[in-house]
Amino acid sequence: METAYVLINCDLGSEEEIIDSLKHMESVKEVHGTFGAYDIIAKIENQDKDKLRETIIWNVRKLLHVRSTLTLMGIEGQN
């Protein structure tokens, strides 16, 4: 299983809307609002690394009000 943690910066006041959208995406397993440099963290999993990348690039990053993302890829076997 491929895992990525996506840190998301969004427009002020749009956090709930983005969290709700993320919860409805197939590969998104967890979503949390955060304090600090980023507004939201999402855990995304998929068996296929290419599908994981597609979810991040074409679904998460294209959401309305998402300003920027930082993706941390998990290392298989170190969990």
Protein backbone atom coordinates (compact mmCIF):
# COMPACT_ATOMS: atom_id res chain seq x y z
CA MET A 1 0.00 0.00 0.00
CA GLU A 2 1.36 3.41 -1.01
CA THR A 3 0.76 6.21 1.50
CA ALA A 4 1.09 9.98 1.21
CA TYR A 5 0.44 12.72 3.71
CA VAL A 6 -0.63 15.94 2.01
CA LEU A 7 -0.30 19.23 3.90
CA ILE A 8 -2.67 21.82 2.48
CA ASN A 9 -2.79 25.63 2.63
CA CYS A 10 -6.17 27.08 1.72
CA ASP A 11 -7.99 30.38 1.52
CA LEU A 12 -9.09 31.73 4.89
CA GLY A 13 -12.53 30.42 5.84
CA SER A 14 -12.59 27.59 3.28
CA GLU A 15 -11.21 24.86 5.56
CA GLU A 16 -14.55 23.13 6.26
CA GLU A 17 -15.51 23.08 2.57
CA ILE A 18 -12.18 21.52 1.57
CA ILE A 19 -12.27 18.99 4.43
CA ASP A 20 -15.76 17.92 3.34
CA SER A 21 -14.62 17.52 -0.28
CA LEU A 22 -11.57 15.49 0.76
CA LYS A 23 -13.70 13.13 2.88
CA HIS A 24 -15.62 12.14 -0.26
CA MET A 25 -12.51 11.17 -2.27
CA GLU A 26 -11.97 7.44 -2.61
CA SER A 27 -8.29 7.22 -1.67
CA VAL A 28 -8.45 9.74 1.20
CA LYS A 29 -8.38 7.78 4.46
CA GLU A 30 -8.06 10.58 7.06
CA VAL A 31 -8.47 14.36 7.08
CA HIS A 32 -7.70 16.75 9.94
CA GLY A 33 -7.72 20.51 10.34
CA THR A 34 -4.46 21.74 11.84
CA PHE A 35 -2.92 24.79 13.50
CA GLY A 36 0.41 26.07 12.26
CA ALA A 37 1.96 26.57 8.85
CA TYR A 38 -0.65 24.35 7.13
CA ASP A 39 -4.44 24.33 7.47
CA ILE A 40 -5.28 20.69 6.68
CA ILE A 41 -3.52 17.33 6.60
CA ALA A 42 -4.86 14.42 4.55
CA LYS A 43 -3.71 10.79 4.58
CA ILE A 44 -4.08 9.27 1.12
CA GLU A 45 -3.59 5.57 0.34
CA ASN A 46 -3.72 3.49 -2.81
CA GLN A 47 -2.21 0.20 -3.97
CA ASP A 48 -1.02 1.87 -7.18
CA LYS A 49 1.57 4.65 -6.85
CA ASP A 50 0.39 6.24 -10.11
CA LYS A 51 -3.23 6.40 -8.90
CA LEU A 52 -2.01 7.93 -5.64
CA ARG A 53 -0.17 10.63 -7.59
CA GLU A 54 -3.22 11.21 -9.81
CA THR A 55 -5.44 11.70 -6.76
CA ILE A 56 -3.07 14.32 -5.36
CA ILE A 57 -2.41 16.14 -8.63
CA TRP A 58 -5.84 16.02 -10.29
CA ASN A 59 -8.20 15.91 -7.31
CA VAL A 60 -6.64 17.44 -4.19
CA ARG A 61 -4.56 20.19 -5.79
CA LYS A 62 -7.40 21.22 -8.13
CA LEU A 63 -9.94 21.81 -5.35
CA LEU A 64 -11.32 25.32 -5.27
CA HIS A 65 -9.61 27.46 -2.58
CA VAL A 66 -6.52 25.21 -2.25
CA ARG A 67 -3.54 27.57 -2.40
CA SER A 68 -0.63 25.13 -2.05
CA THR A 69 0.27 21.62 -0.95
CA LEU A 70 3.27 19.74 0.40
CA THR A 71 3.28 15.99 -0.11
CA LEU A 72 5.20 13.59 2.15
CA MET A 73 5.46 10.06 0.74
CA GLY A 74 5.53 7.21 3.23
CA ILE A 75 8.40 4.70 3.13
CA GLU A 76 7.07 1.18 2.79
CA GLY A 77 8.24 -1.07 5.61
CA GLN A 78 8.83 1.82 8.02
CA ASN A 79 5.41 2.03 9.60
